[in-house]
Amino acid sequence: MKTIRFDDSTVTPSKIVCVGRNYVAHIEELGNERAEEMVLFCKPNSAVSDTLRHFSAQTRFEGEICLLMAEAGRIAGVGFGFDLTHADIQNRLKTKGLPWERAKAFDGSAVFSTFVEAPEDLSSLHFRLLHNGIPAQEGSVGLMLYKPRQIIDEIATFMTLEAGDIIMTGTPKGVGGYERGDRFDVTLFHARKPLLQHSWSVS
């Protein structure tokens, strides 16, 4: 089973639950309609990775604030993750009204930083992502259509969140393609103070 790092420990997520269309600017960026209810989909444990790989020219990065769950719906940690997407496959599936797993849940499609202890107040969490030194994405809890507690409560209506599971809270505008050798640097802030920093070189 794949694992992630939480401070000085190793955690094995049973699943990753992802929120789609949670930022208005990203919805408009891709020409999607705003959904009437929360868009949720899952990635399996086999999707988990700490290595950012290049899969194809049609694969795009989507940076997201991530929540590491504890028991009873509590949030243990926060981190950053890439929801990698085969855009060409997803577009084909969407036009046919088919599920997204082939485009979203492939091995290595959930790339995570280390996780750190979650602050008590998540409302001022935000991240800044650089792609080859150039600002690529910025996202915050404040700009989310659905905030962390709303997301957790909605998931709990039909699925059990187990300790170690991860929620990917959605991506802001700025998603795009990438190449081997590219570098990504992210800083996750809390109340304007850096909470964690992480870097990847694309293999």
N, C-alpha and C. Protein backbone atom coordinates (compact mmCIF):
# COMPACT_ATOMS: atom_id res chain seq x y z
N MET A 1 0.84 -1.20 0.00
CA MET A 1 0.00 0.00 0.00
C MET A 1 0.88 1.26 0.00
N LYS A 2 0.43 2.27 -0.72
CA LYS A 2 1.17 3.53 -0.82
C LYS A 2 0.98 4.35 0.45
N THR A 3 1.99 5.14 0.81
CA THR A 3 1.95 5.93 2.03
C THR A 3 2.29 7.39 1.76
N ILE A 4 1.94 8.24 2.74
CA ILE A 4 2.36 9.65 2.71
C ILE A 4 3.05 9.96 4.05
N ARG A 5 3.74 11.09 4.09
CA ARG A 5 4.42 11.50 5.31
C ARG A 5 3.58 12.55 6.04
N PHE A 6 3.40 12.32 7.32
CA PHE A 6 2.71 13.27 8.20
C PHE A 6 3.63 13.59 9.35
N ASP A 7 4.24 14.78 9.31
CA ASP A 7 5.30 15.14 10.27
C ASP A 7 6.36 14.04 10.24
N ASP A 8 6.56 13.34 11.35
CA ASP A 8 7.61 12.31 11.39
C ASP A 8 7.06 10.90 11.25
N SER A 9 5.80 10.77 10.86
CA SER A 9 5.19 9.45 10.77
C SER A 9 4.79 9.13 9.33
N THR A 10 4.49 7.86 9.11
CA THR A 10 4.03 7.37 7.81
C THR A 10 2.57 6.97 7.92
N VAL A 11 1.74 7.42 6.97
CA VAL A 11 0.31 7.16 6.99
C VAL A 11 -0.10 6.49 5.68
N THR A 12 -1.01 5.53 5.78
CA THR A 12 -1.49 4.82 4.60
C THR A 12 -2.95 5.20 4.33
N PRO A 13 -3.22 6.03 3.34
CA PRO A 13 -4.61 6.39 3.03
C PRO A 13 -5.33 5.21 2.37
N SER A 14 -6.55 4.93 2.81
CA SER A 14 -7.33 3.89 2.14
C SER A 14 -7.92 4.43 0.83
N LYS A 15 -8.09 5.75 0.76
CA LYS A 15 -8.68 6.37 -0.44
C LYS A 15 -8.42 7.87 -0.41
N ILE A 16 -8.59 8.48 -1.57
CA ILE A 16 -8.54 9.94 -1.70
C ILE A 16 -9.88 10.37 -2.28
N VAL A 17 -10.55 11.28 -1.60
CA VAL A 17 -11.82 11.82 -2.09
C VAL A 17 -11.55 13.22 -2.62
N CYS A 18 -11.95 13.48 -3.86
CA CYS A 18 -11.62 14.73 -4.55
C CYS A 18 -12.88 15.55 -4.81
N VAL A 19 -12.74 16.85 -4.69
CA VAL A 19 -13.83 17.78 -4.99
C VAL A 19 -13.55 18.43 -6.34
N GLY A 20 -14.52 18.37 -7.23
CA GLY A 20 -14.41 19.03 -8.52
C GLY A 20 -15.18 20.33 -8.54
N ARG A 21 -14.74 21.26 -9.37
CA ARG A 21 -15.45 22.52 -9.60
C ARG A 21 -15.75 23.27 -8.30
N ASN A 22 -14.68 23.48 -7.51
CA ASN A 22 -14.86 24.16 -6.22
C ASN A 22 -14.37 25.60 -6.24
N TYR A 23 -13.87 26.07 -7.40
CA TYR A 23 -13.45 27.47 -7.55
C TYR A 23 -14.14 28.03 -8.80
N VAL A 24 -14.80 29.16 -8.67
CA VAL A 24 -15.54 29.74 -9.78
C VAL A 24 -14.63 30.02 -10.97
N ALA A 25 -13.45 30.59 -10.72
CA ALA A 25 -12.55 30.95 -11.82
C ALA A 25 -12.09 29.72 -12.59
N HIS A 26 -11.93 28.59 -11.92
CA HIS A 26 -11.53 27.36 -12.60
C HIS A 26 -12.68 26.81 -13.43
N ILE A 27 -13.90 26.89 -12.91
CA ILE A 27 -15.07 26.46 -13.68
C ILE A 27 -15.13 27.24 -14.99
N GLU A 28 -14.93 28.56 -14.90
CA GLU A 28 -14.98 29.40 -16.09
C GLU A 28 -13.80 29.12 -17.02
N GLU A 29 -12.63 28.84 -16.42
CA GLU A 29 -11.42 28.57 -17.20
C GLU A 29 -11.60 27.39 -18.15
N LEU A 30 -12.30 26.35 -17.68
CA LEU A 30 -12.49 25.15 -18.49
C LEU A 30 -13.83 25.13 -19.22
N GLY A 31 -14.60 26.21 -19.07
CA GLY A 31 -15.87 26.29 -19.76
C GLY A 31 -16.91 25.32 -19.24
N ASN A 32 -16.81 24.96 -17.95
CA ASN A 32 -17.78 24.04 -17.35
C ASN A 32 -18.96 24.80 -16.77
N GLU A 33 -20.03 24.08 -16.54
CA GLU A 33 -21.17 24.65 -15.85
C GLU A 33 -21.00 24.47 -14.35
N ARG A 34 -21.52 25.42 -13.59
CA ARG A 34 -21.50 25.28 -12.14
C ARG A 34 -22.53 24.22 -11.73
N ALA A 35 -22.05 23.19 -11.03
CA ALA A 35 -22.92 22.07 -10.68
C ALA A 35 -23.92 22.48 -9.60
N GLU A 36 -25.07 21.82 -9.62
CA GLU A 36 -26.11 22.11 -8.62
C GLU A 36 -25.78 21.50 -7.27
N GLU A 37 -24.93 20.50 -7.24
CA GLU A 37 -24.50 19.90 -5.98
C GLU A 37 -23.01 19.62 -6.06
N MET A 38 -22.42 19.30 -4.93
CA MET A 38 -20.98 19.09 -4.85
C MET A 38 -20.54 17.95 -5.76
N VAL A 39 -19.49 18.20 -6.56
CA VAL A 39 -18.94 17.17 -7.44
C VAL A 39 -17.84 16.43 -6.69
N LEU A 40 -18.02 15.13 -6.51
CA LEU A 40 -17.06 14.31 -5.77
C LEU A 40 -16.67 13.09 -6.58
N PHE A 41 -15.40 12.72 -6.51
CA PHE A 41 -14.92 11.49 -7.13
C PHE A 41 -13.75 10.98 -6.30
N CYS A 42 -13.37 9.73 -6.52
CA CYS A 42 -12.33 9.09 -5.69
C CYS A 42 -11.13 8.64 -6.51
N LYS A 43 -10.01 8.61 -5.84
CA LYS A 43 -8.81 7.98 -6.36
C LYS A 43 -8.42 6.87 -5.38
N PRO A 44 -7.89 5.75 -5.89
CA PRO A 44 -7.50 4.65 -5.00
C PRO A 44 -6.14 4.88 -4.37
N ASN A 45 -5.80 4.03 -3.44
CA ASN A 45 -4.48 4.11 -2.82
C ASN A 45 -3.37 3.99 -3.85
N SER A 46 -3.58 3.22 -4.91
CA SER A 46 -2.53 3.03 -5.92
C SER A 46 -2.21 4.31 -6.69
N ALA A 47 -3.06 5.34 -6.56
CA ALA A 47 -2.79 6.62 -7.22
C ALA A 47 -1.79 7.47 -6.45
N VAL A 48 -1.55 7.14 -5.18
CA VAL A 48 -0.72 7.97 -4.30
C VAL A 48 0.75 7.91 -4.72
N SER A 49 1.39 9.08 -4.72
CA SER A 49 2.82 9.17 -5.05
C SER A 49 3.41 10.43 -4.44
N ASP A 50 4.72 10.42 -4.25
CA ASP A 50 5.42 11.66 -3.89
C ASP A 50 6.29 12.13 -5.06
N THR A 51 6.20 11.41 -6.19
CA THR A 51 6.98 11.72 -7.38
C THR A 51 6.06 12.26 -8.47
N LEU A 52 6.43 13.36 -9.05
CA LEU A 52 5.65 13.97 -10.12
C LEU A 52 6.21 13.48 -11.46
N ARG A 53 5.43 12.63 -12.14
CA ARG A 53 5.87 12.03 -13.40
C ARG A 53 5.21 12.71 -14.58
N HIS A 54 5.91 12.66 -15.73
CA HIS A 54 5.31 13.11 -16.98
C HIS A 54 4.68 11.91 -17.65
N PHE A 55 3.38 12.00 -17.95
CA PHE A 55 2.66 10.89 -18.56
C PHE A 55 2.43 11.10 -20.05
N SER A 56 1.99 12.28 -20.43
CA SER A 56 1.73 12.59 -21.83
C SER A 56 1.58 14.09 -21.99
N ALA A 57 1.58 14.55 -23.23
CA ALA A 57 1.40 15.98 -23.49
C ALA A 57 -0.01 16.44 -23.12
N GLN A 58 -0.93 15.50 -22.97
CA GLN A 58 -2.32 15.83 -22.66
C GLN A 58 -2.62 15.75 -21.16
N THR A 59 -1.60 15.46 -20.36
CA THR A 59 -1.80 15.37 -18.91
C THR A 59 -1.56 16.74 -18.29
N ARG A 60 -2.51 17.21 -17.48
CA ARG A 60 -2.37 18.53 -16.85
C ARG A 60 -2.26 18.39 -15.33
N PHE A 61 -1.62 19.38 -14.73
CA PHE A 61 -1.52 19.46 -13.27
C PHE A 61 -2.66 20.31 -12.72
N GLU A 62 -3.15 19.93 -11.56
CA GLU A 62 -4.17 20.68 -10.85
C GLU A 62 -3.77 20.71 -9.37
N GLY A 63 -3.29 21.85 -8.89
CA GLY A 63 -2.81 21.96 -7.52
C GLY A 63 -3.94 22.19 -6.53
N GLU A 64 -3.85 21.56 -5.36
CA GLU A 64 -4.96 21.61 -4.41
C GLU A 64 -4.50 21.59 -2.96
N ILE A 65 -5.22 22.30 -2.10
CA ILE A 65 -5.08 22.14 -0.66
C ILE A 65 -5.68 20.79 -0.28
N CYS A 66 -4.96 20.04 0.56
CA CYS A 66 -5.40 18.69 0.92
C CYS A 66 -5.54 18.54 2.42
N LEU A 67 -6.52 17.74 2.81
CA LEU A 67 -6.81 17.50 4.22
C LEU A 67 -6.53 16.04 4.54
N LEU A 68 -5.81 15.79 5.62
CA LEU A 68 -5.56 14.44 6.11
C LEU A 68 -6.50 14.18 7.28
N MET A 69 -7.31 13.13 7.16
CA MET A 69 -8.36 12.90 8.14
C MET A 69 -7.88 12.07 9.32
N ALA A 70 -8.50 12.35 10.47
CA ALA A 70 -8.35 11.53 11.67
C ALA A 70 -9.69 10.84 11.91
N GLU A 71 -9.88 10.27 13.10
CA GLU A 71 -11.13 9.60 13.41
C GLU A 71 -12.27 10.61 13.56
N ALA A 72 -13.48 10.09 13.34
CA ALA A 72 -14.72 10.83 13.62
C ALA A 72 -14.81 12.15 12.86
N GLY A 73 -14.31 12.18 11.64
CA GLY A 73 -14.44 13.37 10.82
C GLY A 73 -13.54 14.52 11.21
N ARG A 74 -12.57 14.27 12.06
CA ARG A 74 -11.64 15.34 12.44
C ARG A 74 -10.52 15.45 11.41
N ILE A 75 -9.94 16.65 11.32
CA ILE A 75 -8.83 16.90 10.40
C ILE A 75 -7.53 16.84 11.18
N ALA A 76 -6.65 15.92 10.80
CA ALA A 76 -5.38 15.77 11.50
C ALA A 76 -4.30 16.67 10.91
N GLY A 77 -4.25 16.72 9.57
CA GLY A 77 -3.17 17.44 8.93
C GLY A 77 -3.60 18.12 7.65
N VAL A 78 -2.72 18.98 7.16
CA VAL A 78 -2.95 19.66 5.88
C VAL A 78 -1.69 19.53 5.04
N GLY A 79 -1.89 19.55 3.74
CA GLY A 79 -0.77 19.46 2.81
C GLY A 79 -1.20 19.97 1.46
N PHE A 80 -0.38 19.67 0.48
CA PHE A 80 -0.64 20.09 -0.89
C PHE A 80 -0.57 18.87 -1.79
N GLY A 81 -1.40 18.86 -2.83
CA GLY A 81 -1.36 17.74 -3.76
C GLY A 81 -1.66 18.15 -5.18
N PHE A 82 -1.20 17.32 -6.12
CA PHE A 82 -1.54 17.46 -7.53
C PHE A 82 -2.57 16.39 -7.90
N ASP A 83 -3.71 16.83 -8.40
CA ASP A 83 -4.67 15.93 -9.02
C ASP A 83 -4.33 15.92 -10.50
N LEU A 84 -3.53 14.94 -10.92
CA LEU A 84 -3.15 14.85 -12.33
C LEU A 84 -4.31 14.31 -13.14
N THR A 85 -4.49 14.87 -14.35
CA THR A 85 -5.65 14.54 -15.17
C THR A 85 -5.24 14.34 -16.62
N HIS A 86 -5.65 13.21 -17.20
CA HIS A 86 -5.51 13.02 -18.64
C HIS A 86 -6.65 13.81 -19.30
N ALA A 87 -6.36 15.04 -19.71
CA ALA A 87 -7.41 15.94 -20.18
C ALA A 87 -8.13 15.41 -21.41
N ASP A 88 -7.39 14.79 -22.33
CA ASP A 88 -8.02 14.28 -23.54
C ASP A 88 -9.00 13.15 -23.23
N ILE A 89 -8.60 12.27 -22.31
CA ILE A 89 -9.48 11.16 -21.93
C ILE A 89 -10.69 11.68 -21.17
N GLN A 90 -10.46 12.63 -20.25
CA GLN A 90 -11.59 13.18 -19.50
C GLN A 90 -12.61 13.85 -20.41
N ASN A 91 -12.13 14.62 -21.37
CA ASN A 91 -13.06 15.29 -22.29
C ASN A 91 -13.88 14.29 -23.08
N ARG A 92 -13.25 13.21 -23.51
CA ARG A 92 -13.98 12.18 -24.25
C ARG A 92 -15.04 11.52 -23.37
N LEU A 93 -14.67 11.22 -22.12
CA LEU A 93 -15.61 10.57 -21.20
C LEU A 93 -16.77 11.50 -20.86
N LYS A 94 -16.46 12.79 -20.68
CA LYS A 94 -17.51 13.76 -20.33
C LYS A 94 -18.54 13.88 -21.44
N THR A 95 -18.09 13.88 -22.69
CA THR A 95 -19.04 14.02 -23.79
C THR A 95 -19.97 12.82 -23.89
N LYS A 96 -19.53 11.67 -23.38
CA LYS A 96 -20.36 10.46 -23.42
C LYS A 96 -21.10 10.22 -22.10
N GLY A 97 -20.92 11.11 -21.13
CA GLY A 97 -21.57 10.96 -19.84
C GLY A 97 -21.04 9.78 -19.04
N LEU A 98 -19.76 9.42 -19.24
CA LEU A 98 -19.16 8.28 -18.57
C LEU A 98 -18.32 8.71 -17.37
N PRO A 99 -18.05 7.78 -16.43
CA PRO A 99 -17.22 8.11 -15.26
C PRO A 99 -15.82 8.55 -15.65
N TRP A 100 -15.14 9.24 -14.73
CA TRP A 100 -13.84 9.85 -15.01
C TRP A 100 -12.64 9.02 -14.60
N GLU A 101 -12.83 7.82 -14.03
CA GLU A 101 -11.72 7.12 -13.41
C GLU A 101 -10.51 6.93 -14.33
N ARG A 102 -10.74 6.63 -15.60
CA ARG A 102 -9.61 6.43 -16.52
C ARG A 102 -8.76 7.69 -16.65
N ALA A 103 -9.37 8.85 -16.47
CA ALA A 103 -8.67 10.12 -16.61
C ALA A 103 -8.13 10.66 -15.30
N LYS A 104 -8.67 10.18 -14.18
CA LYS A 104 -8.36 10.79 -12.88
C LYS A 104 -7.72 9.84 -11.87
N ALA A 105 -7.98 8.54 -11.98
CA ALA A 105 -7.61 7.61 -10.90
C ALA A 105 -6.47 6.68 -11.28
N PHE A 106 -5.69 7.03 -12.29
CA PHE A 106 -4.59 6.16 -12.73
C PHE A 106 -3.45 6.20 -11.71
N ASP A 107 -2.61 5.18 -11.76
CA ASP A 107 -1.47 5.09 -10.84
C ASP A 107 -0.60 6.33 -10.96
N GLY A 108 -0.25 6.91 -9.81
CA GLY A 108 0.61 8.09 -9.79
C GLY A 108 -0.11 9.40 -10.03
N SER A 109 -1.44 9.39 -10.01
CA SER A 109 -2.20 10.61 -10.33
C SER A 109 -2.51 11.48 -9.12
N ALA A 110 -2.12 11.04 -7.93
CA ALA A 110 -2.33 11.83 -6.71
C ALA A 110 -0.97 12.05 -6.05
N VAL A 111 -0.36 13.17 -6.34
CA VAL A 111 1.02 13.45 -5.91
C VAL A 111 0.98 14.41 -4.73
N PHE A 112 1.55 13.99 -3.59
CA PHE A 112 1.41 14.77 -2.37
C PHE A 112 2.74 15.26 -1.82
N SER A 113 2.68 16.42 -1.18
CA SER A 113 3.76 16.91 -0.34
C SER A 113 3.73 16.14 0.97
N THR A 114 4.61 16.46 1.87
CA THR A 114 4.44 16.02 3.24
C THR A 114 3.22 16.75 3.82
N PHE A 115 2.67 16.21 4.90
CA PHE A 115 1.57 16.86 5.61
C PHE A 115 2.06 17.33 6.98
N VAL A 116 1.47 18.41 7.44
CA VAL A 116 1.80 18.95 8.76
C VAL A 116 0.52 19.06 9.58
N GLU A 117 0.67 19.25 10.87
CA GLU A 117 -0.49 19.34 11.75
C GLU A 117 -1.41 20.48 11.31
N ALA A 118 -2.69 20.21 11.26
CA ALA A 118 -3.66 21.20 10.80
C ALA A 118 -3.84 22.30 11.84
N PRO A 119 -3.86 23.56 11.40
CA PRO A 119 -4.18 24.64 12.34
C PRO A 119 -5.65 24.54 12.75
N GLU A 120 -5.97 25.11 13.89
CA GLU A 120 -7.34 25.03 14.39
C GLU A 120 -8.31 25.74 13.46
N ASP A 121 -7.89 26.87 12.90
CA ASP A 121 -8.73 27.63 11.98
C ASP A 121 -8.18 27.48 10.57
N LEU A 122 -8.97 26.87 9.70
CA LEU A 122 -8.52 26.63 8.33
C LEU A 122 -8.88 27.76 7.37
N SER A 123 -9.62 28.74 7.84
CA SER A 123 -10.18 29.75 6.93
C SER A 123 -9.12 30.59 6.23
N SER A 124 -7.93 30.71 6.81
CA SER A 124 -6.89 31.53 6.18
C SER A 124 -5.83 30.70 5.46
N LEU A 125 -6.10 29.41 5.23
CA LEU A 125 -5.17 28.59 4.44
C LEU A 125 -5.17 29.04 2.99
N HIS A 126 -3.99 29.17 2.42
CA HIS A 126 -3.88 29.42 0.99
C HIS A 126 -2.53 28.93 0.49
N PHE A 127 -2.44 28.69 -0.81
CA PHE A 127 -1.17 28.21 -1.38
C PHE A 127 -0.78 29.04 -2.58
N ARG A 128 0.51 29.00 -2.87
CA ARG A 128 1.07 29.64 -4.06
C ARG A 128 1.97 28.62 -4.74
N LEU A 129 1.72 28.34 -6.01
CA LEU A 129 2.46 27.34 -6.77
C LEU A 129 3.24 28.01 -7.89
N LEU A 130 4.54 27.73 -7.96
CA LEU A 130 5.41 28.20 -9.04
C LEU A 130 5.74 27.05 -9.97
N HIS A 131 5.68 27.31 -11.27
CA HIS A 131 6.04 26.33 -12.30
C HIS A 131 7.25 26.90 -13.05
N ASN A 132 8.40 26.28 -12.85
CA ASN A 132 9.66 26.79 -13.42
C ASN A 132 9.88 28.24 -13.02
N GLY A 133 9.58 28.54 -11.76
CA GLY A 133 9.82 29.86 -11.20
C GLY A 133 8.77 30.90 -11.51
N ILE A 134 7.77 30.54 -12.29
CA ILE A 134 6.72 31.47 -12.70
C ILE A 134 5.43 31.14 -11.96
N PRO A 135 4.73 32.15 -11.38
CA PRO A 135 3.48 31.86 -10.68
C PRO A 135 2.49 31.13 -11.59
N ALA A 136 1.96 30.01 -11.10
CA ALA A 136 1.05 29.20 -11.90
C ALA A 136 -0.35 29.16 -11.28
N GLN A 137 -0.43 28.93 -9.98
CA GLN A 137 -1.73 28.83 -9.31
C GLN A 137 -1.66 29.43 -7.91
N GLU A 138 -2.77 30.02 -7.50
CA GLU A 138 -2.97 30.43 -6.11
C GLU A 138 -4.38 30.05 -5.73
N GLY A 139 -4.52 29.43 -4.57
CA GLY A 139 -5.84 29.01 -4.11
C GLY A 139 -5.97 29.21 -2.62
N SER A 140 -7.20 29.36 -2.16
CA SER A 140 -7.43 29.59 -0.73
C SER A 140 -8.77 29.02 -0.32
N VAL A 141 -8.89 28.74 0.96
CA VAL A 141 -10.16 28.29 1.51
C VAL A 141 -11.22 29.36 1.29
N GLY A 142 -10.82 30.62 1.40
CA GLY A 142 -11.77 31.72 1.24
C GLY A 142 -12.44 31.76 -0.11
N LEU A 143 -11.76 31.27 -1.17
CA LEU A 143 -12.31 31.30 -2.52
C LEU A 143 -13.08 30.03 -2.88
N MET A 144 -13.09 29.04 -2.00
CA MET A 144 -13.77 27.79 -2.29
C MET A 144 -15.30 27.97 -2.21
N LEU A 145 -16.00 27.34 -3.13
CA LEU A 145 -17.46 27.33 -3.06
C LEU A 145 -17.92 26.52 -1.85
N TYR A 146 -17.23 25.39 -1.60
CA TYR A 146 -17.53 24.53 -0.46
C TYR A 146 -16.30 24.50 0.45
N LYS A 147 -16.50 24.87 1.70
CA LYS A 147 -15.41 24.93 2.66
C LYS A 147 -15.15 23.52 3.23
N PRO A 148 -14.00 23.35 3.90
CA PRO A 148 -13.63 22.01 4.39
C PRO A 148 -14.72 21.30 5.20
N ARG A 149 -15.37 21.97 6.15
CA ARG A 149 -16.38 21.29 6.96
C ARG A 149 -17.58 20.88 6.12
N GLN A 150 -17.98 21.71 5.16
CA GLN A 150 -19.08 21.34 4.26
C GLN A 150 -18.72 20.10 3.45
N ILE A 151 -17.48 20.05 3.00
CA ILE A 151 -17.04 18.91 2.20
C ILE A 151 -17.09 17.63 3.03
N ILE A 152 -16.54 17.68 4.22
CA ILE A 152 -16.51 16.51 5.10
C ILE A 152 -17.93 16.03 5.41
N ASP A 153 -18.81 16.96 5.73
CA ASP A 153 -20.19 16.60 6.07
C ASP A 153 -20.91 15.97 4.87
N GLU A 154 -20.65 16.48 3.67
CA GLU A 154 -21.30 15.93 2.49
C GLU A 154 -20.79 14.52 2.19
N ILE A 155 -19.48 14.31 2.27
CA ILE A 155 -18.93 12.97 2.05
C ILE A 155 -19.51 11.98 3.05
N ALA A 156 -19.67 12.42 4.29
CA ALA A 156 -20.17 11.54 5.35
C ALA A 156 -21.61 11.08 5.13
N THR A 157 -22.33 11.72 4.22
CA THR A 157 -23.71 11.31 3.96
C THR A 157 -23.78 9.98 3.20
N PHE A 158 -22.66 9.57 2.57
CA PHE A 158 -22.71 8.33 1.81
C PHE A 158 -21.44 7.48 1.90
N MET A 159 -20.40 7.98 2.56
CA MET A 159 -19.13 7.27 2.59
C MET A 159 -18.43 7.51 3.91
N THR A 160 -17.81 6.47 4.45
CA THR A 160 -17.06 6.60 5.70
C THR A 160 -15.65 7.11 5.42
N LEU A 161 -15.30 8.20 6.06
CA LEU A 161 -13.93 8.71 6.00
C LEU A 161 -13.15 8.08 7.14
N GLU A 162 -12.12 7.33 6.79
CA GLU A 162 -11.31 6.64 7.79
C GLU A 162 -10.05 7.44 8.10
N ALA A 163 -9.49 7.20 9.27
CA ALA A 163 -8.24 7.87 9.64
C ALA A 163 -7.18 7.58 8.59
N GLY A 164 -6.53 8.61 8.10
CA GLY A 164 -5.51 8.46 7.07
C GLY A 164 -6.01 8.78 5.68
N ASP A 165 -7.33 8.85 5.49
CA ASP A 165 -7.86 9.23 4.18
C ASP A 165 -7.53 10.69 3.89
N ILE A 166 -7.49 11.03 2.61
CA ILE A 166 -7.14 12.39 2.17
C ILE A 166 -8.29 12.97 1.37
N ILE A 167 -8.59 14.23 1.62
CA ILE A 167 -9.54 14.98 0.80
C ILE A 167 -8.77 16.02 0.01
N MET A 168 -8.94 16.00 -1.32
CA MET A 168 -8.38 17.03 -2.19
C MET A 168 -9.50 18.02 -2.47
N THR A 169 -9.33 19.27 -2.06
CA THR A 169 -10.44 20.22 -1.95
C THR A 169 -10.77 20.98 -3.23
N GLY A 170 -10.11 20.67 -4.34
CA GLY A 170 -10.41 21.35 -5.59
C GLY A 170 -9.29 22.28 -6.02
N THR A 171 -9.25 22.55 -7.31
CA THR A 171 -8.16 23.36 -7.87
C THR A 171 -8.66 24.72 -8.34
N PRO A 172 -7.86 25.76 -8.15
CA PRO A 172 -8.20 27.07 -8.70
C PRO A 172 -7.78 27.17 -10.17
N LYS A 173 -7.95 28.33 -10.76
CA LYS A 173 -7.55 28.51 -12.16
C LYS A 173 -6.03 28.40 -12.29
N GLY A 174 -5.59 28.16 -13.51
CA GLY A 174 -4.16 28.08 -13.78
C GLY A 174 -3.65 26.69 -14.07
N VAL A 175 -4.55 25.71 -14.21
CA VAL A 175 -4.10 24.35 -14.53
C VAL A 175 -3.44 24.34 -15.91
N GLY A 176 -2.56 23.37 -16.12
CA GLY A 176 -1.87 23.35 -17.40
C GLY A 176 -1.03 22.11 -17.58
N GLY A 177 -0.35 22.05 -18.71
CA GLY A 177 0.53 20.93 -19.01
C GLY A 177 1.92 21.14 -18.42
N TYR A 178 2.74 20.11 -18.51
CA TYR A 178 4.10 20.19 -17.97
C TYR A 178 4.96 19.17 -18.70
N GLU A 179 6.29 19.30 -18.54
CA GLU A 179 7.24 18.46 -19.26
C GLU A 179 8.26 17.85 -18.31
N ARG A 180 8.96 16.82 -18.76
CA ARG A 180 10.05 16.26 -17.97
C ARG A 180 11.09 17.35 -17.71
N GLY A 181 11.62 17.36 -16.51
CA GLY A 181 12.62 18.35 -16.13
C GLY A 181 12.04 19.63 -15.57
N ASP A 182 10.73 19.83 -15.69
CA ASP A 182 10.10 21.01 -15.09
C ASP A 182 10.21 20.96 -13.57
N ARG A 183 10.13 22.13 -12.96
CA ARG A 183 10.21 22.23 -11.50
C ARG A 183 8.95 22.92 -10.97
N PHE A 184 8.43 22.37 -9.90
CA PHE A 184 7.30 22.98 -9.20
C PHE A 184 7.69 23.24 -7.76
N ASP A 185 7.36 24.44 -7.28
CA ASP A 185 7.61 24.82 -5.90
C ASP A 185 6.32 25.36 -5.30
N VAL A 186 5.91 24.82 -4.17
CA VAL A 186 4.67 25.27 -3.54
C VAL A 186 4.94 25.72 -2.12
N THR A 187 4.22 26.74 -1.70
CA THR A 187 4.20 27.17 -0.31
C THR A 187 2.75 27.20 0.14
N LEU A 188 2.49 26.54 1.26
CA LEU A 188 1.17 26.57 1.88
C LEU A 188 1.25 27.52 3.06
N PHE A 189 0.38 28.51 3.06
CA PHE A 189 0.40 29.54 4.09
C PHE A 189 -0.79 29.38 5.03
N HIS A 190 -0.58 29.84 6.26
CA HIS A 190 -1.67 30.00 7.22
C HIS A 190 -1.52 31.38 7.82
N ALA A 191 -2.55 32.21 7.61
CA ALA A 191 -2.51 33.59 8.09
C ALA A 191 -1.24 34.30 7.60
N ARG A 192 -0.92 34.11 6.34
CA ARG A 192 0.21 34.75 5.65
C ARG A 192 1.57 34.23 6.08
N LYS A 193 1.61 33.24 6.97
CA LYS A 193 2.88 32.68 7.41
C LYS A 193 3.05 31.30 6.76
N PRO A 194 4.25 31.02 6.21
CA PRO A 194 4.46 29.72 5.58
C PRO A 194 4.25 28.57 6.57
N LEU A 195 3.43 27.61 6.17
CA LEU A 195 3.15 26.44 7.00
C LEU A 195 3.97 25.25 6.52
N LEU A 196 4.13 25.14 5.21
CA LEU A 196 5.01 24.11 4.64
C LEU A 196 5.45 24.55 3.25
N GLN A 197 6.58 24.01 2.82
CA GLN A 197 7.10 24.24 1.47
C GLN A 197 7.55 22.90 0.91
N HIS A 198 7.36 22.75 -0.40
CA HIS A 198 7.74 21.48 -1.02
C HIS A 198 8.08 21.75 -2.49
N SER A 199 9.00 20.94 -3.03
CA SER A 199 9.42 21.09 -4.42
C SER A 199 9.43 19.74 -5.11
N TRP A 200 9.17 19.75 -6.42
CA TRP A 200 9.25 18.56 -7.25
C TRP A 200 9.99 18.89 -8.54
N SER A 201 10.77 17.94 -9.03
CA SER A 201 11.32 17.98 -10.38
C SER A 201 10.65 16.84 -11.14
N VAL A 202 10.09 17.17 -12.28
CA VAL A 202 9.30 16.19 -13.04
C VAL A 202 10.22 15.14 -13.65
N SER A 203 9.86 13.87 -13.42
CA SER A 203 10.67 12.77 -13.96
C SER A 203 9.99 12.14 -15.18
